[in-house]
Amino acid sequence: MVAPAPASPFVMHGSRDALAAGLTHIEEQVWSIEQAVVENPALAFDLARTLVEAVCRTILSERKIAYSESDDLPKLFKTVGENLPFLPPTASGDAEVRKSLARTLNGLSTAIQGICELRNQCGFASHGSDQTRPAMEYVQALMAAEAADTIVGFLHRVHRQDRTPPSPRVLYDTNQAFNSSVDKAHGPIRILALEFSASEVLYQMEPESYRIYAAEFVEEAEGLASNANAVPEAAP
């Protein structure tokens, strides 16, 4: 039985939020997906993959992160995931929070892979095959479109938020143990008659690198503390 037509038009709210925030070049893709979900479900899979790919490329370009034009969507998404600060500064050093986030991102990555596979197998413009492709209907197309919309909205909000951080000193001020470790290892940095702490220079010049190293420092310290507190097994 063919799925019934939707009671109201499908709207990609996350993508339209990114569109309003400056991603004007995705307007035609967003509109096309909203139409295809109902009028040409198989085409929605092709367009969903293309939309997420376009947004990933835009984010990487705006952040001046290198990628190859031949990179497929899973690889582009992985690169974006490695370069966006998905956690607020006050939570980036919490090992358990970082593990939970990693599981969430793995889930999004799985959704990305699923969209690509559905596109290849059932898309309107999928790879040539001597076999008839299974027909997709509204409900399947809606699933792919909503997944793409969620991913696009989330990635672009994080990207946009990070470029206008509300409290730039929070991350530095809450990592005093890491700052002391960096300063002790590298000593003060002197330029003419001026002297700067190594941790301050790292934070100011490479804030994303600072965030990553600080989180790793906290995670390693927590691991050492956990090992030290572990109760040794009794000898047989």
Protein backbone atom coordinates (compact mmCIF):
# COMPACT_ATOMS: atom_id res chain seq x y z
CA MET A 1 0.00 0.00 0.00
CA VAL A 2 1.31 3.45 -0.90
CA ALA A 3 1.95 5.74 2.05
CA PRO A 4 -0.56 8.60 2.39
CA ALA A 5 0.45 12.13 1.44
CA PRO A 6 1.53 14.38 4.34
CA ALA A 7 -1.09 16.57 5.99
CA SER A 8 1.22 19.62 5.87
CA PRO A 9 4.27 20.61 3.79
CA PHE A 10 7.64 19.30 4.95
CA VAL A 11 9.99 22.07 6.16
CA MET A 12 13.72 21.65 6.86
CA HIS A 13 13.93 23.85 9.94
CA GLY A 14 17.61 23.18 10.76
CA SER A 15 18.74 23.83 7.20
CA ARG A 16 16.61 26.96 6.93
CA ASP A 17 18.18 28.22 10.14
CA ALA A 18 21.62 27.76 8.52
CA LEU A 19 20.29 29.45 5.40
CA ALA A 20 19.13 32.47 7.40
CA ALA A 21 22.54 32.60 9.13
CA GLY A 22 24.39 33.04 5.84
CA LEU A 23 24.46 29.74 3.92
CA THR A 24 22.51 31.25 1.06
CA HIS A 25 24.02 28.86 -1.50
CA ILE A 26 22.04 25.92 -0.09
CA GLU A 27 18.64 27.57 -0.63
CA GLU A 28 17.87 25.74 -3.86
CA GLN A 29 18.94 22.39 -2.40
CA VAL A 30 16.76 22.88 0.68
CA TRP A 31 13.73 23.84 -1.39
CA SER A 32 14.31 20.91 -3.75
CA ILE A 33 14.44 18.39 -0.89
CA GLU A 34 11.25 19.76 0.64
CA GLN A 35 9.51 19.26 -2.71
CA ALA A 36 11.13 15.89 -3.54
CA VAL A 37 10.09 14.22 -0.29
CA VAL A 38 6.49 14.28 -1.56
CA GLU A 39 6.80 14.53 -5.34
CA ASN A 40 9.89 12.38 -6.06
CA PRO A 41 10.96 10.39 -2.96
CA ALA A 42 13.88 8.66 -4.71
CA LEU A 43 15.42 12.05 -5.55
CA ALA A 44 15.31 13.09 -1.89
CA PHE A 45 18.09 10.61 -1.06
CA ASP A 46 20.43 12.13 -3.66
CA LEU A 47 19.64 15.66 -2.52
CA ALA A 48 20.01 14.83 1.19
CA ARG A 49 23.53 13.50 0.64
CA THR A 50 24.45 16.48 -1.54
CA LEU A 51 23.15 18.98 1.04
CA VAL A 52 25.14 17.55 3.97
CA GLU A 53 28.23 17.32 1.77
CA ALA A 54 27.89 20.97 0.70
CA VAL A 55 27.56 22.17 4.30
CA CYS A 56 30.56 20.11 5.43
CA ARG A 57 32.68 21.62 2.64
CA THR A 58 31.52 25.13 3.56
CA ILE A 59 32.37 24.67 7.23
CA LEU A 60 35.83 23.33 6.42
CA SER A 61 36.50 26.14 3.94
CA GLU A 62 35.39 28.85 6.39
CA ARG A 63 37.62 27.36 9.09
CA LYS A 64 40.52 27.09 6.60
CA ILE A 65 40.82 23.31 7.08
CA ALA A 66 42.23 21.42 4.12
CA TYR A 67 40.25 18.69 2.39
CA SER A 68 40.34 17.02 -1.01
CA GLU A 69 37.72 17.62 -3.69
CA SER A 70 37.58 13.84 -4.06
CA ASP A 71 36.67 13.27 -0.38
CA ASP A 72 33.34 11.49 -0.02
CA LEU A 73 30.70 12.47 2.52
CA PRO A 74 31.77 10.11 5.37
CA LYS A 75 35.35 11.42 5.13
CA LEU A 76 34.19 15.06 5.02
CA PHE A 77 31.96 14.49 8.05
CA LYS A 78 34.84 12.87 9.95
CA THR A 79 37.10 15.86 9.20
CA VAL A 80 34.42 18.28 10.37
CA GLY A 81 33.92 16.22 13.53
CA GLU A 82 37.63 16.41 14.31
CA ASN A 83 37.70 20.19 14.00
CA LEU A 84 34.52 21.49 15.59
CA PRO A 85 34.32 22.11 19.37
CA PHE A 86 31.07 20.26 20.07
CA LEU A 87 31.26 20.83 23.82
CA PRO A 88 31.19 24.16 25.71
CA PRO A 89 34.55 25.12 27.28
CA THR A 90 33.36 24.31 30.80
CA ALA A 91 32.55 20.71 29.81
CA SER A 92 35.33 19.94 27.32
CA GLY A 93 37.63 18.57 29.99
CA ASP A 94 35.14 16.05 31.43
CA ALA A 95 36.17 12.58 30.21
CA GLU A 96 32.71 11.01 30.66
CA VAL A 97 31.01 13.85 28.80
CA ARG A 98 33.53 13.50 25.98
CA LYS A 99 32.79 9.75 25.76
CA SER A 100 29.05 10.42 25.58
CA LEU A 101 29.62 12.99 22.86
CA ALA A 102 31.77 10.52 20.93
CA ARG A 103 28.92 8.01 20.99
CA THR A 104 26.51 10.68 19.76
CA LEU A 105 28.82 11.66 16.90
CA ASN A 106 29.25 7.99 16.00
CA GLY A 107 25.47 7.81 15.73
CA LEU A 108 25.41 10.79 13.37
CA SER A 109 28.21 9.21 11.37
CA THR A 110 26.16 6.03 11.06
CA ALA A 111 23.22 8.10 9.82
CA ILE A 112 25.51 9.72 7.24
CA GLN A 113 26.65 6.30 6.04
CA GLY A 114 23.07 5.10 5.86
CA ILE A 115 22.01 8.06 3.72
CA CYS A 116 24.92 7.39 1.34
CA GLU A 117 24.04 3.70 1.05
CA LEU A 118 20.35 4.40 0.48
CA ARG A 119 21.27 6.97 -2.13
CA ASN A 120 23.48 4.45 -3.96
CA GLN A 121 20.84 1.73 -3.82
CA CYS A 122 17.59 3.64 -4.21
CA GLY A 123 18.37 7.20 -5.27
CA PHE A 124 16.91 8.75 -8.41
CA ALA A 125 20.42 9.32 -9.80
CA SER A 126 22.15 6.38 -8.14
CA HIS A 127 24.83 4.28 -9.77
CA GLY A 128 23.79 2.30 -12.82
CA SER A 129 22.52 -1.22 -12.27
CA ASP A 130 21.04 -3.94 -14.43
CA GLN A 131 18.48 -4.63 -11.72
CA THR A 132 15.33 -2.69 -10.90
CA ARG A 133 15.83 -0.50 -7.85
CA PRO A 134 13.29 -0.80 -5.02
CA ALA A 135 10.77 2.03 -5.04
CA MET A 136 11.02 4.47 -2.16
CA GLU A 137 8.00 6.25 -0.77
CA TYR A 138 7.29 9.36 1.27
CA VAL A 139 8.04 7.85 4.69
CA GLN A 140 11.52 6.61 3.69
CA ALA A 141 12.37 9.88 1.93
CA LEU A 142 11.17 11.83 4.97
CA MET A 143 13.49 9.81 7.22
CA ALA A 144 16.54 10.63 5.04
CA ALA A 145 15.56 14.30 4.72
CA GLU A 146 14.97 14.74 8.46
CA ALA A 147 18.29 13.03 9.29
CA ALA A 148 20.13 15.33 6.87
CA ASP A 149 18.31 18.37 8.25
CA THR A 150 19.23 17.48 11.85
CA ILE A 151 22.89 17.01 10.93
CA VAL A 152 23.10 20.23 8.89
CA GLY A 153 21.40 22.29 11.60
CA PHE A 154 23.59 20.89 14.39
CA LEU A 155 26.91 21.23 12.53
CA HIS A 156 26.25 24.77 11.39
CA ARG A 157 25.04 25.95 14.81
CA VAL A 158 28.21 24.63 16.46
CA HIS A 159 30.34 26.17 13.71
CA ARG A 160 28.58 29.53 14.02
CA GLN A 161 28.62 29.55 17.83
CA ASP A 162 32.34 28.77 17.98
CA ARG A 163 33.15 31.73 15.73
CA THR A 164 31.52 34.11 18.23
CA PRO A 165 32.37 32.60 21.63
CA PRO A 166 30.40 34.24 24.47
CA SER A 167 33.07 33.78 27.17
CA PRO A 168 36.53 33.49 25.60
CA ARG A 169 38.39 33.34 28.92
CA VAL A 170 36.33 30.56 30.51
CA LEU A 171 38.30 27.75 28.87
CA TYR A 172 41.68 29.19 29.92
CA ASP A 173 40.66 30.10 33.46
CA THR A 174 39.20 26.65 34.20
CA ASN A 175 42.34 24.73 33.17
CA GLN A 176 44.88 26.02 35.68
CA ALA A 177 46.57 22.61 36.17
CA PHE A 178 47.09 22.28 32.42
CA ASN A 179 48.35 25.88 32.20
CA SER A 180 50.90 25.23 34.94
CA SER A 181 52.06 22.05 33.19
CA VAL A 182 52.60 23.89 29.89
CA ASP A 183 54.36 26.81 31.58
CA LYS A 184 56.64 24.47 33.51
CA ALA A 185 57.52 22.44 30.42
CA HIS A 186 58.20 25.38 28.09
CA GLY A 187 59.08 28.28 30.37
CA PRO A 188 58.30 31.94 29.65
CA ILE A 189 58.37 33.29 26.10
CA ARG A 190 60.31 36.54 25.74
CA ILE A 191 59.88 39.01 22.88
CA LEU A 192 62.13 42.09 23.26
CA ALA A 193 61.40 43.42 26.75
CA LEU A 194 58.09 41.59 27.07
CA GLU A 195 57.48 38.19 28.68
CA PHE A 196 54.49 35.87 28.11
CA SER A 197 53.47 32.54 29.62
CA ALA A 198 53.58 29.61 27.20
CA SER A 199 50.02 28.55 28.08
CA GLU A 200 48.68 32.04 27.37
CA VAL A 201 50.42 32.15 24.00
CA LEU A 202 49.03 28.72 23.07
CA TYR A 203 45.53 29.76 24.12
CA GLN A 204 45.59 33.06 22.27
CA MET A 205 47.25 31.82 19.06
CA GLU A 206 45.74 28.32 18.75
CA PRO A 207 42.54 28.16 20.85
CA GLU A 208 41.32 24.94 19.20
CA SER A 209 44.68 23.21 19.78
CA TYR A 210 44.62 24.50 23.36
CA ARG A 211 41.14 22.98 23.86
CA ILE A 212 42.23 19.58 22.52
CA TYR A 213 45.48 19.41 24.53
CA ALA A 214 43.74 20.59 27.71
CA ALA A 215 41.04 17.91 27.35
CA GLU A 216 43.67 15.21 26.77
CA PHE A 217 45.60 16.43 29.82
CA VAL A 218 42.51 16.18 32.03
CA GLU A 219 41.58 12.76 30.64
CA GLU A 220 45.10 11.43 31.23
CA ALA A 221 45.15 12.82 34.78
CA GLU A 222 41.81 11.19 35.54
CA GLY A 223 43.10 7.89 34.15
CA LEU A 224 46.18 8.00 36.37
CA ALA A 225 44.06 8.82 39.41
CA SER A 226 41.70 5.94 38.63
CA ASN A 227 44.60 3.49 38.34
CA ALA A 228 46.11 4.71 41.59
CA ASN A 229 42.82 4.20 43.43
CA ALA A 230 42.17 0.74 41.98
CA VAL A 231 42.12 -2.06 44.56
CA PRO A 232 44.70 -4.75 43.64
CA GLU A 233 43.40 -8.28 43.23
CA ALA A 234 44.21 -10.69 46.03
CA ALA A 235 46.92 -13.23 45.25
CA PRO A 236 45.58 -16.76 44.64
